[in-house]
PDB file of all heavy atoms in Angstrom:
ATOM      1  N   LEU A   1     -24.716  -1.036  18.509  1.00  0.00           N
ATOM      2  CA  LEU A   1     -24.242   0.305  18.483  1.00  0.00           C
ATOM      3  C   LEU A   1     -24.416   0.913  17.086  1.00  0.00           C
ATOM      4  O   LEU A   1     -24.160   0.214  16.125  1.00  0.00           O
ATOM      5  CB  LEU A   1     -22.781   0.406  18.909  1.00  0.00           C
ATOM      6  CG  LEU A   1     -22.492  -0.020  20.337  1.00  0.00           C
ATOM      7  CD1 LEU A   1     -20.982   0.026  20.639  1.00  0.00           C
ATOM      8  CD2 LEU A   1     -23.180   0.911  21.351  1.00  0.00           C
ATOM      9  N   GLY A   2     -24.856   2.160  16.975  1.00  0.00           N
ATOM     10  CA  GLY A   2     -25.019   2.643  15.644  1.00  0.00           C
ATOM     11  C   GLY A   2     -26.007   3.811  15.662  1.00  0.00           C
ATOM     12  O   GLY A   2     -26.957   3.932  16.505  1.00  0.00           O
ATOM     13  N   SER A   3     -25.816   4.674  14.673  1.00  0.00           N
ATOM     14  CA  SER A   3     -26.777   5.859  14.563  1.00  0.00           C
ATOM     15  C   SER A   3     -26.513   6.537  13.233  1.00  0.00           C
ATOM     16  O   SER A   3     -25.313   6.780  12.901  1.00  0.00           O
ATOM     17  CB  SER A   3     -26.538   6.878  15.582  1.00  0.00           C
ATOM     18  OG  SER A   3     -27.148   8.115  15.367  1.00  0.00           O
ATOM     19  N   LYS A   4     -27.556   6.720  12.446  1.00  0.00           N
ATOM     20  CA  LYS A   4     -27.382   7.487  11.167  1.00  0.00           C
ATOM     21  C   LYS A   4     -26.952   8.839  11.427  1.00  0.00           C
ATOM     22  O   LYS A   4     -26.022   9.387  10.701  1.00  0.00           O
ATOM     23  CB  LYS A   4     -28.752   7.449  10.359  1.00  0.00           C
ATOM     24  CG  LYS A   4     -28.696   8.086   9.072  1.00  0.00           C
ATOM     25  CD  LYS A   4     -27.869   7.383   8.021  1.00  0.00           C
ATOM     26  CE  LYS A   4     -28.025   7.959   6.611  1.00  0.00           C
ATOM     27  NZ  LYS A   4     -27.172   7.175   5.728  1.00  0.00           N
ATOM     28  N   ALA A   5     -27.588   9.473  12.429  1.00  0.00           N
ATOM     29  CA  ALA A   5     -27.207  10.899  12.708  1.00  0.00           C
ATOM     30  C   ALA A   5     -25.780  11.050  13.134  1.00  0.00           C
ATOM     31  O   ALA A   5     -25.192  12.127  13.065  1.00  0.00           O
ATOM     32  CB  ALA A   5     -28.181  11.438  13.812  1.00  0.00           C
ATOM     33  N   LEU A   6     -25.207   9.986  13.697  1.00  0.00           N
ATOM     34  CA  LEU A   6     -23.823  10.043  14.324  1.00  0.00           C
ATOM     35  C   LEU A   6     -22.816   9.411  13.377  1.00  0.00           C
ATOM     36  O   LEU A   6     -21.658   9.382  13.728  1.00  0.00           O
ATOM     37  CB  LEU A   6     -23.811   9.350  15.670  1.00  0.00           C
ATOM     38  CG  LEU A   6     -24.736   9.796  16.761  1.00  0.00           C
ATOM     39  CD1 LEU A   6     -24.618   8.920  18.001  1.00  0.00           C
ATOM     40  CD2 LEU A   6     -24.611  11.329  17.033  1.00  0.00           C
ATOM     41  N   SER A   7     -23.198   9.065  12.192  1.00  0.00           N
ATOM     42  CA  SER A   7     -22.262   8.502  11.175  1.00  0.00           C
ATOM     43  C   SER A   7     -21.579   7.229  11.753  1.00  0.00           C
ATOM     44  O   SER A   7     -20.483   6.980  11.526  1.00  0.00           O
ATOM     45  CB  SER A   7     -21.209   9.491  10.835  1.00  0.00           C
ATOM     46  OG  SER A   7     -21.767  10.588  10.103  1.00  0.00           O
ATOM     47  N   ILE A   8     -22.484   6.504  12.460  1.00  0.00           N
ATOM     48  CA  ILE A   8     -22.057   5.171  13.084  1.00  0.00           C
ATOM     49  C   ILE A   8     -22.816   4.057  12.455  1.00  0.00           C
ATOM     50  O   ILE A   8     -23.976   3.816  12.850  1.00  0.00           O
ATOM     51  CB  ILE A   8     -22.139   5.168  14.613  1.00  0.00           C
ATOM     52  CG1 ILE A   8     -21.346   6.259  15.243  1.00  0.00           C
ATOM     53  CG2 ILE A   8     -21.526   3.785  15.102  1.00  0.00           C
ATOM     54  CD1 ILE A   8     -21.522   6.401  16.682  1.00  0.00           C
ATOM     55  N   PRO A   9     -22.328   3.363  11.432  1.00  0.00           N
ATOM     56  CA  PRO A   9     -23.054   2.181  10.902  1.00  0.00           C
ATOM     57  C   PRO A   9     -23.235   1.137  11.968  1.00  0.00           C
ATOM     58  O   PRO A   9     -22.381   1.073  12.860  1.00  0.00           O
ATOM     59  CB  PRO A   9     -22.207   1.747   9.697  1.00  0.00           C
ATOM     60  CG  PRO A   9     -21.373   2.887   9.449  1.00  0.00           C
ATOM     61  CD  PRO A   9     -21.106   3.623  10.637  1.00  0.00           C
ATOM     62  N   PRO A  10     -24.315   0.396  11.970  1.00  0.00           N
ATOM     63  CA  PRO A  10     -24.535  -0.529  13.005  1.00  0.00           C
ATOM     64  C   PRO A  10     -23.593  -1.689  13.068  1.00  0.00           C
ATOM     65  O   PRO A  10     -23.177  -2.198  12.080  1.00  0.00           O
ATOM     66  CB  PRO A  10     -26.043  -1.071  12.813  1.00  0.00           C
ATOM     67  CG  PRO A  10     -26.117  -0.885  11.262  1.00  0.00           C
ATOM     68  CD  PRO A  10     -25.346   0.333  10.896  1.00  0.00           C
ATOM     69  N   GLN A  11     -23.160  -1.972  14.329  1.00  0.00           N
ATOM     70  CA  GLN A  11     -22.336  -3.158  14.567  1.00  0.00           C
ATOM     71  C   GLN A  11     -22.801  -3.900  15.767  1.00  0.00           C
ATOM     72  O   GLN A  11     -23.145  -3.250  16.707  1.00  0.00           O
ATOM     73  CB  GLN A  11     -20.783  -2.751  14.796  1.00  0.00           C
ATOM     74  CG  GLN A  11     -20.163  -2.174  13.590  1.00  0.00           C
ATOM     75  CD  GLN A  11     -19.998  -3.136  12.387  1.00  0.00           C
ATOM     76  OE1 GLN A  11     -20.149  -2.707  11.285  1.00  0.00           O
ATOM     77  NE2 GLN A  11     -19.752  -4.344  12.686  1.00  0.00           N
ATOM     78  N   THR A  12     -22.825  -5.216  15.677  1.00  0.00           N
ATOM     79  CA  THR A  12     -23.171  -6.023  16.843  1.00  0.00           C
ATOM     80  C   THR A  12     -21.907  -6.682  17.260  1.00  0.00           C
ATOM     81  O   THR A  12     -20.785  -6.194  17.203  1.00  0.00           O
ATOM     82  CB  THR A  12     -24.364  -6.948  16.539  1.00  0.00           C
ATOM     83  OG1 THR A  12     -24.631  -7.716  17.677  1.00  0.00           O
ATOM     84  CG2 THR A  12     -24.104  -7.760  15.306  1.00  0.00           C
ATOM     85  N   SER A  13     -22.038  -7.959  17.786  1.00  0.00           N
ATOM     86  CA  SER A  13     -20.930  -8.606  18.370  1.00  0.00           C
ATOM     87  C   SER A  13     -19.901  -9.234  17.285  1.00  0.00           C
ATOM     88  O   SER A  13     -19.752 -10.347  17.178  1.00  0.00           O
ATOM     89  CB  SER A  13     -21.221  -9.710  19.258  1.00  0.00           C
ATOM     90  OG  SER A  13     -22.560  -9.828  19.426  1.00  0.00           O
ATOM     91  N   THR A  14     -19.488  -8.357  16.394  1.00  0.00           N
ATOM     92  CA  THR A  14     -18.595  -8.760  15.281  1.00  0.00           C
ATOM     93  C   THR A  14     -17.224  -9.084  15.850  1.00  0.00           C
ATOM     94  O   THR A  14     -16.703  -8.450  16.790  1.00  0.00           O
ATOM     95  CB  THR A  14     -18.522  -7.607  14.232  1.00  0.00           C
ATOM     96  OG1 THR A  14     -18.184  -6.465  14.874  1.00  0.00           O
ATOM     97  CG2 THR A  14     -19.912  -7.455  13.533  1.00  0.00           C
ATOM     98  N   ILE A  15     -16.543 -10.008  15.186  1.00  0.00           N
ATOM     99  CA  ILE A  15     -15.188 -10.272  15.525  1.00  0.00           C
ATOM    100  C   ILE A  15     -14.324  -9.924  14.307  1.00  0.00           C
ATOM    101  O   ILE A  15     -14.082 -10.718  13.424  1.00  0.00           O
ATOM    102  CB  ILE A  15     -14.995 -11.840  15.815  1.00  0.00           C
ATOM    103  CG1 ILE A  15     -15.873 -12.205  17.041  1.00  0.00           C
ATOM    104  CG2 ILE A  15     -13.548 -12.015  16.232  1.00  0.00           C
ATOM    105  CD1 ILE A  15     -15.645 -11.419  18.255  1.00  0.00           C
ATOM    106  N   ALA A  16     -14.049  -8.623  14.182  1.00  0.00           N
ATOM    107  CA  ALA A  16     -13.134  -8.112  13.212  1.00  0.00           C
ATOM    108  C   ALA A  16     -13.796  -8.068  11.741  1.00  0.00           C
ATOM    109  O   ALA A  16     -13.110  -7.510  10.869  1.00  0.00           O
ATOM    110  CB  ALA A  16     -11.830  -8.854  13.159  1.00  0.00           C
ATOM    111  N   SER A  17     -14.970  -8.425  11.546  1.00  0.00           N
ATOM    112  CA  SER A  17     -15.471  -8.470  10.189  1.00  0.00           C
ATOM    113  C   SER A  17     -15.744  -7.096   9.673  1.00  0.00           C
ATOM    114  O   SER A  17     -16.031  -6.927   8.389  1.00  0.00           O
ATOM    115  CB  SER A  17     -16.792  -9.359  10.087  1.00  0.00           C
ATOM    116  OG  SER A  17     -17.803  -8.808  10.915  1.00  0.00           O
ATOM    117  N   HIS A  18     -15.811  -6.133  10.542  1.00  0.00           N
ATOM    118  CA  HIS A  18     -15.976  -4.733  10.110  1.00  0.00           C
ATOM    119  C   HIS A  18     -14.768  -3.957   9.639  1.00  0.00           C
ATOM    120  O   HIS A  18     -14.831  -2.905   9.078  1.00  0.00           O
ATOM    121  CB  HIS A  18     -16.700  -3.946  11.161  1.00  0.00           C
ATOM    122  CG  HIS A  18     -15.953  -3.861  12.504  1.00  0.00           C
ATOM    123  ND1 HIS A  18     -15.458  -5.026  13.155  1.00  0.00           N
ATOM    124  CD2 HIS A  18     -15.535  -2.780  13.259  1.00  0.00           C
ATOM    125  CE1 HIS A  18     -14.805  -4.625  14.280  1.00  0.00           C
ATOM    126  NE2 HIS A  18     -14.805  -3.244  14.346  1.00  0.00           N
ATOM    127  N   LEU A  19     -13.549  -4.593   9.813  1.00  0.00           N
ATOM    128  CA  LEU A  19     -12.333  -3.936   9.468  1.00  0.00           C
ATOM    129  C   LEU A  19     -12.212  -3.781   8.056  1.00  0.00           C
ATOM    130  O   LEU A  19     -11.796  -2.690   7.460  1.00  0.00           O
ATOM    131  CB  LEU A  19     -11.183  -4.594  10.058  1.00  0.00           C
ATOM    132  CG  LEU A  19     -10.727  -4.173  11.496  1.00  0.00           C
ATOM    133  CD1 LEU A  19     -11.638  -4.644  12.517  1.00  0.00           C
ATOM    134  CD2 LEU A  19      -9.290  -4.577  11.776  1.00  0.00           C
ATOM    135  N   PRO A  20     -12.525  -4.784   7.127  1.00  0.00           N
ATOM    136  CA  PRO A  20     -12.325  -4.655   5.700  1.00  0.00           C
ATOM    137  C   PRO A  20     -13.173  -3.499   5.107  1.00  0.00           C
ATOM    138  O   PRO A  20     -12.674  -2.779   4.201  1.00  0.00           O
ATOM    139  CB  PRO A  20     -12.706  -5.945   5.167  1.00  0.00           C
ATOM    140  CG  PRO A  20     -12.433  -6.990   6.274  1.00  0.00           C
ATOM    141  CD  PRO A  20     -12.811  -6.179   7.545  1.00  0.00           C
ATOM    142  N   LYS A  21     -14.422  -3.271   5.596  1.00  0.00           N
ATOM    143  CA  LYS A  21     -15.231  -2.241   4.917  1.00  0.00           C
ATOM    144  C   LYS A  21     -14.823  -0.923   5.426  1.00  0.00           C
ATOM    145  O   LYS A  21     -15.044   0.044   4.787  1.00  0.00           O
ATOM    146  CB  LYS A  21     -16.670  -2.475   5.327  1.00  0.00           C
ATOM    147  CG  LYS A  21     -17.155  -2.466   6.769  1.00  0.00           C
ATOM    148  CD  LYS A  21     -18.590  -2.813   6.901  1.00  0.00           C
ATOM    149  CE  LYS A  21     -19.131  -2.663   8.313  1.00  0.00           C
ATOM    150  NZ  LYS A  21     -20.606  -3.035   8.436  1.00  0.00           N
ATOM    151  N   ALA A  22     -14.179  -0.796   6.655  1.00  0.00           N
ATOM    152  CA  ALA A  22     -13.632   0.447   7.110  1.00  0.00           C
ATOM    153  C   ALA A  22     -12.501   0.818   6.168  1.00  0.00           C
ATOM    154  O   ALA A  22     -12.356   2.024   5.827  1.00  0.00           O
ATOM    155  CB  ALA A  22     -13.126   0.336   8.530  1.00  0.00           C
ATOM    156  N   VAL A  23     -11.676  -0.149   5.776  1.00  0.00           N
ATOM    157  CA  VAL A  23     -10.645   0.175   4.775  1.00  0.00           C
ATOM    158  C   VAL A  23     -11.246   0.717   3.419  1.00  0.00           C
ATOM    159  O   VAL A  23     -10.817   1.696   2.863  1.00  0.00           O
ATOM    160  CB  VAL A  23      -9.754  -1.060   4.393  1.00  0.00           C
ATOM    161  CG1 VAL A  23      -8.792  -0.876   3.366  1.00  0.00           C
ATOM    162  CG2 VAL A  23      -9.070  -1.538   5.751  1.00  0.00           C
ATOM    163  N   GLY A  24     -12.379   0.034   3.032  1.00  0.00           N
ATOM    164  CA  GLY A  24     -13.043   0.574   1.801  1.00  0.00           C
ATOM    165  C   GLY A  24     -13.638   1.877   1.889  1.00  0.00           C
ATOM    166  O   GLY A  24     -13.532   2.787   0.978  1.00  0.00           O
ATOM    167  N   ALA A  25     -14.212   2.226   3.097  1.00  0.00           N
ATOM    168  CA  ALA A  25     -14.824   3.480   3.309  1.00  0.00           C
ATOM    169  C   ALA A  25     -13.734   4.567   3.283  1.00  0.00           C
ATOM    170  O   ALA A  25     -13.923   5.657   2.632  1.00  0.00           O
ATOM    171  CB  ALA A  25     -15.595   3.554   4.606  1.00  0.00           C
ATOM    172  N   ALA A  26     -12.558   4.307   3.900  1.00  0.00           N
ATOM    173  CA  ALA A  26     -11.365   5.258   3.985  1.00  0.00           C
ATOM    174  C   ALA A  26     -10.909   5.451   2.628  1.00  0.00           C
ATOM    175  O   ALA A  26     -10.556   6.586   2.175  1.00  0.00           O
ATOM    176  CB  ALA A  26     -10.379   4.762   4.886  1.00  0.00           C
ATOM    177  N   TYR A  27     -10.749   4.449   1.833  1.00  0.00           N
ATOM    178  CA  TYR A  27     -10.275   4.524   0.487  1.00  0.00           C
ATOM    179  C   TYR A  27     -11.123   5.393  -0.344  1.00  0.00           C
ATOM    180  O   TYR A  27     -10.695   6.195  -1.211  1.00  0.00           O
ATOM    181  CB  TYR A  27     -10.077   3.157  -0.192  1.00  0.00           C
ATOM    182  CG  TYR A  27      -9.621   3.197  -1.637  1.00  0.00           C
ATOM    183  CD1 TYR A  27      -8.244   3.159  -1.925  1.00  0.00           C
ATOM    184  CD2 TYR A  27     -10.449   3.180  -2.711  1.00  0.00           C
ATOM    185  CE1 TYR A  27      -7.749   3.262  -3.159  1.00  0.00           C
ATOM    186  CE2 TYR A  27     -10.006   3.261  -4.048  1.00  0.00           C
ATOM    187  CZ  TYR A  27      -8.611   3.236  -4.166  1.00  0.00           C
ATOM    188  OH  TYR A  27      -8.219   3.290  -5.469  1.00  0.00           O
ATOM    189  N   SER A  28     -12.402   5.244  -0.190  1.00  0.00           N
ATOM    190  CA  SER A  28     -13.454   5.978  -1.046  1.00  0.00           C
ATOM    191  C   SER A  28     -13.338   7.547  -0.860  1.00  0.00           C
ATOM    192  O   SER A  28     -13.705   8.242  -1.707  1.00  0.00           O
ATOM    193  CB  SER A  28     -14.851   5.574  -0.626  1.00  0.00           C
ATOM    194  OG  SER A  28     -15.281   6.136   0.618  1.00  0.00           O
ATOM    195  N   ILE A  29     -12.850   7.988   0.326  1.00  0.00           N
ATOM    196  CA  ILE A  29     -12.672   9.415   0.537  1.00  0.00           C
ATOM    197  C   ILE A  29     -11.750  10.064  -0.427  1.00  0.00           C
ATOM    198  O   ILE A  29     -12.065  11.104  -1.083  1.00  0.00           O
ATOM    199  CB  ILE A  29     -12.287   9.763   2.027  1.00  0.00           C
ATOM    200  CG1 ILE A  29     -13.343   9.288   2.999  1.00  0.00           C
ATOM    201  CG2 ILE A  29     -11.897  11.133   2.175  1.00  0.00           C
ATOM    202  CD1 ILE A  29     -12.929   9.426   4.446  1.00  0.00           C
ATOM    203  N   GLY A  30     -10.551   9.450  -0.678  1.00  0.00           N
ATOM    204  CA  GLY A  30      -9.644  10.045  -1.697  1.00  0.00           C
ATOM    205  C   GLY A  30     -10.256   9.894  -3.095  1.00  0.00           C
ATOM    206  O   GLY A  30     -10.100  10.880  -3.846  1.00  0.00           O
ATOM    207  N   LEU A  31     -10.855   8.749  -3.364  1.00  0.00           N
ATOM    208  CA  LEU A  31     -11.377   8.608  -4.722  1.00  0.00           C
ATOM    209  C   LEU A  31     -12.522   9.544  -4.964  1.00  0.00           C
ATOM    210  O   LEU A  31     -12.655  10.104  -6.203  1.00  0.00           O
ATOM    211  CB  LEU A  31     -11.947   7.166  -4.844  1.00  0.00           C
ATOM    212  CG  LEU A  31     -12.420   6.752  -6.246  1.00  0.00           C
ATOM    213  CD1 LEU A  31     -11.341   6.866  -7.282  1.00  0.00           C
ATOM    214  CD2 LEU A  31     -12.954   5.301  -6.213  1.00  0.00           C
ATOM    215  N   SER A  32     -13.310   9.931  -4.012  1.00  0.00           N
ATOM    216  CA  SER A  32     -14.429  10.871  -4.138  1.00  0.00           C
ATOM    217  C   SER A  32     -13.893  12.213  -4.615  1.00  0.00           C
ATOM    218  O   SER A  32     -14.743  13.033  -5.197  1.00  0.00           O
ATOM    219  CB  SER A  32     -15.250  10.913  -2.917  1.00  0.00           C
ATOM    220  OG  SER A  32     -14.561  11.618  -1.867  1.00  0.00           O
ATOM    221  N   LYS A  33     -12.746  12.586  -4.326  1.00  0.00           N
ATOM    222  CA  LYS A  33     -12.196  13.882  -4.755  1.00  0.00           C
ATOM    223  C   LYS A  33     -12.039  13.953  -6.292  1.00  0.00           C
ATOM    224  O   LYS A  33     -12.116  15.000  -6.875  1.00  0.00           O
ATOM    225  CB  LYS A  33     -10.851  14.172  -4.035  1.00  0.00           C
ATOM    226  CG  LYS A  33     -10.970  14.313  -2.493  1.00  0.00           C
ATOM    227  CD  LYS A  33      -9.522  14.560  -1.960  1.00  0.00           C
ATOM    228  CE  LYS A  33      -9.690  14.752  -0.445  1.00  0.00           C
ATOM    229  NZ  LYS A  33      -8.336  14.984   0.161  1.00  0.00           N
ATOM    230  N   ARG A  34     -11.752  12.786  -6.824  1.00  0.00           N
ATOM    231  CA  ARG A  34     -11.658  12.718  -8.315  1.00  0.00           C
ATOM    232  C   ARG A  34     -12.876  12.315  -9.068  1.00  0.00           C
ATOM    233  O   ARG A  34     -13.060  12.586 -10.240  1.00  0.00           O
ATOM    234  CB  ARG A  34     -10.498  11.791  -8.611  1.00  0.00           C
ATOM    235  CG  ARG A  34      -9.102  12.326  -7.950  1.00  0.00           C
ATOM    236  CD  ARG A  34      -7.946  11.334  -8.324  1.00  0.00           C
ATOM    237  NE  ARG A  34      -8.105  10.009  -7.828  1.00  0.00           N
ATOM    238  CZ  ARG A  34      -7.832   9.633  -6.529  1.00  0.00           C
ATOM    239  NH1 ARG A  34      -7.407  10.527  -5.664  1.00  0.00           N
ATOM    240  NH2 ARG A  34      -7.975   8.351  -6.268  1.00  0.00           N
ATOM    241  N   HIS A  35     -13.693  11.482  -8.349  1.00  0.00           N
ATOM    242  CA  HIS A  35     -14.894  10.975  -8.957  1.00  0.00           C
ATOM    243  C   HIS A  35     -16.039  11.026  -7.902  1.00  0.00           C
ATOM    244  O   HIS A  35     -16.247  10.078  -7.244  1.00  0.00           O
ATOM    245  CB  HIS A  35     -14.765   9.527  -9.425  1.00  0.00           C
ATOM    246  CG  HIS A  35     -13.575   9.312 -10.400  1.00  0.00           C
ATOM    247  ND1 HIS A  35     -13.599   9.604 -11.713  1.00  0.00           N
ATOM    248  CD2 HIS A  35     -12.235   8.857 -10.079  1.00  0.00           C
ATOM    249  CE1 HIS A  35     -12.400   9.310 -12.261  1.00  0.00           C
ATOM    250  NE2 HIS A  35     -11.597   8.919 -11.285  1.00  0.00           N
TER     251      HIS A  35
END
């Protein structure tokens, strides 16, 4: 599952390994307002 046009980075049969990077992406939104 994934699509650049849909803002969906690709994921296959992961078992929770995508959660930490989701945290990082969310954190970056606030940081991007300042930097």
